[in-house]
Structure formats: structure tokens, C-alpha cells
Amino acid sequence: MKVLRTVVTSMLLVIAFDVALAAQQFSGTLRGTVQDSTGAIVQGAEVSVVDIATNDVHTIVTDQTGSYVVPQLKPGFYRIIVKKPGFKTPTLDQVK
């Protein structure tokens, strides 16, 4: 009976480990600061992060320090677009 219990316990551990691996997700966080051509911070700029493969868009507004954070991004290539009235609209392509 002890051998069977050990085998069943080992099988349960393998199944639990397999489920844990399947549940893992890989993601990243994009952080940045928006500055104008003189190096001054740009508050309130709209930053859009577009997944090039799926066209999913994450949009956030820069804070009082010109910073932004976009968490939980799937691995892939992204396009970053920054908009602010009175400024040109820069675009960065193929950000990985």
C-alpha cells in the first residue's frame, strides 16, 4: 500500500506542477518619460502603446513628472505614439 500511495502522490505532484506551468504567463512593463526637444518634461501627454500583431491599444496619460507606466504587456513588438496639443506626434515602431 505504501508504494501505491507514493506513486499516487508523485502523480498528483506532476499534475499540479504541469497545471502551474500552464498557468504561467509572461508579461513585461513599459516605462518612460516624455520630454520635449529642450529636455523639459511634458505633463498630460497621451501615450498609446499598440501591439503590432493584434492592434491591442493601451493608452495612459503622463503624470506631473512626465512619466508613464504600462504594465502587463505580452511579449512582442509595439508601436508607441505620443500626443499632446501644440507638439508634434512622434511614433516609435518595433519597440520590443
N, C-alpha and C. Protein backbone atom coordinates (compact mmCIF):
# COMPACT_ATOMS: atom_id res chain seq x y z
N MET A 1 0.82 -1.19 0.00
CA MET A 1 0.00 0.00 0.00
C MET A 1 0.87 1.26 0.00
N LYS A 2 2.03 1.19 0.67
CA LYS A 2 2.92 2.35 0.73
C LYS A 2 3.42 2.72 -0.66
N VAL A 3 3.74 1.74 -1.50
CA VAL A 3 4.23 2.00 -2.85
C VAL A 3 3.15 2.70 -3.66
N LEU A 4 1.91 2.26 -3.59
CA LEU A 4 0.81 2.87 -4.32
C LEU A 4 0.60 4.30 -3.87
N ARG A 5 0.66 4.55 -2.58
CA ARG A 5 0.49 5.90 -2.04
C ARG A 5 1.59 6.82 -2.58
N THR A 6 2.81 6.33 -2.65
CA THR A 6 3.93 7.11 -3.17
C THR A 6 3.74 7.41 -4.65
N VAL A 7 3.29 6.42 -5.42
CA VAL A 7 3.06 6.62 -6.84
C VAL A 7 1.94 7.62 -7.06
N VAL A 8 0.84 7.48 -6.32
CA VAL A 8 -0.28 8.41 -6.46
C VAL A 8 0.15 9.82 -6.06
N THR A 9 0.89 9.94 -4.97
CA THR A 9 1.37 11.25 -4.54
C THR A 9 2.28 11.86 -5.60
N SER A 10 3.18 11.05 -6.18
CA SER A 10 4.07 11.54 -7.22
C SER A 10 3.28 11.98 -8.44
N MET A 11 2.25 11.22 -8.81
CA MET A 11 1.43 11.59 -9.97
C MET A 11 0.71 12.90 -9.71
N LEU A 12 0.19 13.08 -8.50
CA LEU A 12 -0.50 14.32 -8.16
C LEU A 12 0.46 15.51 -8.21
N LEU A 13 1.68 15.31 -7.76
CA LEU A 13 2.67 16.38 -7.81
C LEU A 13 3.00 16.74 -9.25
N VAL A 14 3.12 15.75 -10.13
CA VAL A 14 3.40 16.00 -11.54
C VAL A 14 2.24 16.76 -12.17
N ILE A 15 1.02 16.35 -11.88
CA ILE A 15 -0.15 17.04 -12.42
C ILE A 15 -0.21 18.47 -11.91
N ALA A 16 0.02 18.67 -10.61
CA ALA A 16 0.00 20.01 -10.05
C ALA A 16 1.08 20.88 -10.67
N PHE A 17 2.27 20.32 -10.88
CA PHE A 17 3.36 21.07 -11.50
C PHE A 17 3.02 21.45 -12.93
N ASP A 18 2.41 20.52 -13.67
CA ASP A 18 2.03 20.78 -15.05
C ASP A 18 0.98 21.89 -15.13
N VAL A 19 0.01 21.87 -14.25
CA VAL A 19 -1.03 22.92 -14.22
C VAL A 19 -0.39 24.26 -13.88
N ALA A 20 0.54 24.27 -12.95
CA ALA A 20 1.21 25.52 -12.58
C ALA A 20 1.98 26.09 -13.76
N LEU A 21 2.67 25.23 -14.54
CA LEU A 21 3.40 25.70 -15.71
C LEU A 21 2.45 26.26 -16.77
N ALA A 22 1.34 25.61 -16.98
CA ALA A 22 0.38 26.07 -17.98
C ALA A 22 -0.21 27.41 -17.57
N ALA A 23 -0.31 27.66 -16.28
CA ALA A 23 -0.92 28.90 -15.79
C ALA A 23 0.06 30.08 -15.83
N GLN A 24 1.35 29.82 -16.02
CA GLN A 24 2.31 30.91 -16.06
C GLN A 24 2.09 31.76 -17.29
N GLN A 25 2.20 33.06 -17.07
CA GLN A 25 2.11 33.99 -18.19
C GLN A 25 3.32 34.89 -18.16
N PHE A 26 3.81 35.21 -19.31
CA PHE A 26 4.95 36.09 -19.40
C PHE A 26 4.45 37.47 -19.82
N SER A 27 4.90 38.49 -19.12
CA SER A 27 4.49 39.85 -19.47
C SER A 27 5.61 40.80 -19.07
N GLY A 28 5.52 41.99 -19.60
CA GLY A 28 6.52 43.00 -19.30
C GLY A 28 5.85 44.33 -19.01
N THR A 29 6.64 45.26 -18.56
CA THR A 29 6.17 46.60 -18.23
C THR A 29 6.98 47.60 -19.03
N LEU A 30 6.29 48.54 -19.64
CA LEU A 30 6.94 49.61 -20.39
C LEU A 30 6.88 50.88 -19.54
N ARG A 31 8.04 51.46 -19.28
CA ARG A 31 8.13 52.70 -18.50
C ARG A 31 8.88 53.74 -19.32
N GLY A 32 8.48 54.99 -19.18
CA GLY A 32 9.19 56.02 -19.91
C GLY A 32 8.87 57.41 -19.38
N THR A 33 9.56 58.38 -19.92
CA THR A 33 9.34 59.79 -19.60
C THR A 33 9.26 60.54 -20.91
N VAL A 34 8.25 61.40 -21.02
CA VAL A 34 8.09 62.19 -22.24
C VAL A 34 8.72 63.56 -22.00
N GLN A 35 9.62 63.94 -22.92
CA GLN A 35 10.30 65.23 -22.85
C GLN A 35 10.19 65.92 -24.20
N ASP A 36 10.23 67.25 -24.16
CA ASP A 36 10.23 67.98 -25.44
C ASP A 36 11.65 68.09 -25.96
N SER A 37 11.83 68.80 -27.07
CA SER A 37 13.15 68.87 -27.71
C SER A 37 14.19 69.60 -26.86
N THR A 38 13.75 70.37 -25.86
CA THR A 38 14.70 71.05 -24.97
C THR A 38 15.02 70.22 -23.74
N GLY A 39 14.33 69.09 -23.58
CA GLY A 39 14.56 68.24 -22.41
C GLY A 39 13.58 68.49 -21.29
N ALA A 40 12.65 69.43 -21.47
CA ALA A 40 11.64 69.71 -20.43
C ALA A 40 10.61 68.58 -20.41
N ILE A 41 10.14 68.25 -19.22
CA ILE A 41 9.13 67.20 -19.10
C ILE A 41 7.80 67.67 -19.67
N VAL A 42 7.05 66.70 -20.22
CA VAL A 42 5.74 67.01 -20.79
C VAL A 42 4.69 66.28 -19.97
N GLN A 43 3.95 67.06 -19.18
CA GLN A 43 2.86 66.52 -18.36
C GLN A 43 1.60 66.39 -19.21
N GLY A 44 0.78 65.41 -18.91
CA GLY A 44 -0.51 65.28 -19.57
C GLY A 44 -0.46 64.84 -21.02
N ALA A 45 0.64 64.26 -21.45
CA ALA A 45 0.72 63.74 -22.83
C ALA A 45 0.04 62.37 -22.87
N GLU A 46 -0.66 62.10 -23.95
CA GLU A 46 -1.31 60.80 -24.12
C GLU A 46 -0.34 59.85 -24.79
N VAL A 47 -0.05 58.75 -24.12
CA VAL A 47 0.87 57.74 -24.65
C VAL A 47 0.05 56.51 -25.00
N SER A 48 0.08 56.12 -26.27
CA SER A 48 -0.62 54.91 -26.72
C SER A 48 0.43 53.87 -27.09
N VAL A 49 0.24 52.67 -26.55
CA VAL A 49 1.14 51.55 -26.83
C VAL A 49 0.31 50.52 -27.59
N VAL A 50 0.68 50.28 -28.85
CA VAL A 50 -0.10 49.42 -29.74
C VAL A 50 0.67 48.13 -30.00
N ASP A 51 0.04 46.99 -29.72
CA ASP A 51 0.62 45.70 -30.06
C ASP A 51 0.51 45.55 -31.58
N ILE A 52 1.62 45.49 -32.28
CA ILE A 52 1.62 45.47 -33.74
C ILE A 52 0.93 44.22 -34.28
N ALA A 53 1.06 43.10 -33.59
CA ALA A 53 0.47 41.85 -34.08
C ALA A 53 -1.05 41.81 -33.93
N THR A 54 -1.58 42.39 -32.86
CA THR A 54 -3.01 42.27 -32.56
C THR A 54 -3.78 43.58 -32.63
N ASN A 55 -3.07 44.70 -32.73
CA ASN A 55 -3.67 46.03 -32.69
C ASN A 55 -4.32 46.37 -31.35
N ASP A 56 -4.02 45.61 -30.29
CA ASP A 56 -4.49 45.97 -28.95
C ASP A 56 -3.81 47.27 -28.55
N VAL A 57 -4.58 48.20 -27.96
CA VAL A 57 -4.04 49.51 -27.60
C VAL A 57 -4.17 49.72 -26.10
N HIS A 58 -3.08 50.16 -25.48
CA HIS A 58 -3.07 50.57 -24.08
C HIS A 58 -2.76 52.06 -24.09
N THR A 59 -3.64 52.87 -23.51
CA THR A 59 -3.42 54.31 -23.50
C THR A 59 -3.35 54.81 -22.07
N ILE A 60 -2.38 55.67 -21.83
CA ILE A 60 -2.18 56.25 -20.49
C ILE A 60 -1.74 57.69 -20.67
N VAL A 61 -1.91 58.50 -19.64
CA VAL A 61 -1.52 59.91 -19.68
C VAL A 61 -0.33 60.10 -18.74
N THR A 62 0.67 60.87 -19.20
CA THR A 62 1.85 61.10 -18.36
C THR A 62 1.48 61.89 -17.11
N ASP A 63 2.20 61.61 -16.03
CA ASP A 63 1.92 62.28 -14.76
C ASP A 63 2.68 63.61 -14.66
N GLN A 64 2.71 64.19 -13.47
CA GLN A 64 3.34 65.50 -13.28
C GLN A 64 4.85 65.50 -13.51
N THR A 65 5.45 64.30 -13.55
CA THR A 65 6.88 64.21 -13.83
C THR A 65 7.14 63.80 -15.29
N GLY A 66 6.07 63.72 -16.09
CA GLY A 66 6.21 63.31 -17.48
C GLY A 66 6.35 61.82 -17.67
N SER A 67 6.18 61.07 -16.58
CA SER A 67 6.39 59.62 -16.62
C SER A 67 5.11 58.85 -16.93
N TYR A 68 5.30 57.65 -17.47
CA TYR A 68 4.18 56.74 -17.71
C TYR A 68 4.64 55.32 -17.47
N VAL A 69 3.68 54.46 -17.11
CA VAL A 69 3.94 53.04 -16.90
C VAL A 69 2.79 52.27 -17.52
N VAL A 70 3.13 51.30 -18.37
CA VAL A 70 2.12 50.43 -18.99
C VAL A 70 2.50 49.00 -18.61
N PRO A 71 1.78 48.41 -17.62
CA PRO A 71 2.11 47.05 -17.18
C PRO A 71 1.39 45.98 -17.98
N GLN A 72 1.77 44.74 -17.72
CA GLN A 72 1.09 43.56 -18.26
C GLN A 72 1.06 43.50 -19.79
N LEU A 73 2.17 43.82 -20.42
CA LEU A 73 2.25 43.70 -21.88
C LEU A 73 2.78 42.32 -22.26
N LYS A 74 2.12 41.70 -23.22
CA LYS A 74 2.57 40.40 -23.71
C LYS A 74 3.85 40.60 -24.52
N PRO A 75 4.72 39.58 -24.57
CA PRO A 75 5.92 39.70 -25.40
C PRO A 75 5.54 39.97 -26.86
N GLY A 76 6.28 40.85 -27.50
CA GLY A 76 6.01 41.16 -28.89
C GLY A 76 6.58 42.51 -29.28
N PHE A 77 6.15 42.99 -30.43
CA PHE A 77 6.61 44.28 -30.93
C PHE A 77 5.48 45.30 -30.77
N TYR A 78 5.86 46.50 -30.36
CA TYR A 78 4.88 47.55 -30.07
C TYR A 78 5.22 48.83 -30.81
N ARG A 79 4.19 49.63 -31.03
CA ARG A 79 4.32 50.98 -31.58
C ARG A 79 3.91 51.93 -30.45
N ILE A 80 4.74 52.94 -30.19
CA ILE A 80 4.43 53.93 -29.16
C ILE A 80 4.15 55.26 -29.84
N ILE A 81 2.98 55.81 -29.53
CA ILE A 81 2.56 57.09 -30.11
C ILE A 81 2.31 58.06 -28.96
N VAL A 82 2.89 59.26 -29.05
CA VAL A 82 2.71 60.27 -28.00
C VAL A 82 2.01 61.47 -28.61
N LYS A 83 0.90 61.88 -27.95
CA LYS A 83 0.13 63.03 -28.45
C LYS A 83 -0.04 64.06 -27.35
N LYS A 84 0.11 65.32 -27.75
CA LYS A 84 -0.11 66.44 -26.85
C LYS A 84 -0.38 67.66 -27.72
N PRO A 85 -1.50 68.36 -27.52
CA PRO A 85 -1.77 69.55 -28.32
C PRO A 85 -0.60 70.53 -28.27
N GLY A 86 -0.23 71.06 -29.45
CA GLY A 86 0.87 72.01 -29.55
C GLY A 86 2.22 71.35 -29.82
N PHE A 87 2.26 70.03 -29.84
CA PHE A 87 3.50 69.29 -30.08
C PHE A 87 3.34 68.39 -31.30
N LYS A 88 4.45 68.06 -31.93
CA LYS A 88 4.43 67.05 -32.99
C LYS A 88 4.07 65.71 -32.35
N THR A 89 3.59 64.79 -33.17
CA THR A 89 3.21 63.46 -32.67
C THR A 89 4.27 62.45 -33.07
N PRO A 90 5.22 62.17 -32.16
CA PRO A 90 6.25 61.18 -32.51
C PRO A 90 5.71 59.75 -32.39
N THR A 91 6.27 58.87 -33.20
CA THR A 91 5.91 57.46 -33.19
C THR A 91 7.19 56.63 -33.17
N LEU A 92 7.24 55.67 -32.27
CA LEU A 92 8.37 54.72 -32.23
C LEU A 92 7.82 53.37 -32.64
N ASP A 93 8.42 52.77 -33.66
CA ASP A 93 7.97 51.46 -34.14
C ASP A 93 8.92 50.35 -33.72
N GLN A 94 8.38 49.14 -33.69
CA GLN A 94 9.16 47.93 -33.43
C GLN A 94 9.84 47.95 -32.06
N VAL A 95 9.18 48.52 -31.07
CA VAL A 95 9.72 48.50 -29.71
C VAL A 95 9.45 47.10 -29.15
N LYS A 96 10.49 46.49 -28.62
CA LYS A 96 10.36 45.11 -28.13
C LYS A 96 10.52 45.09 -26.64
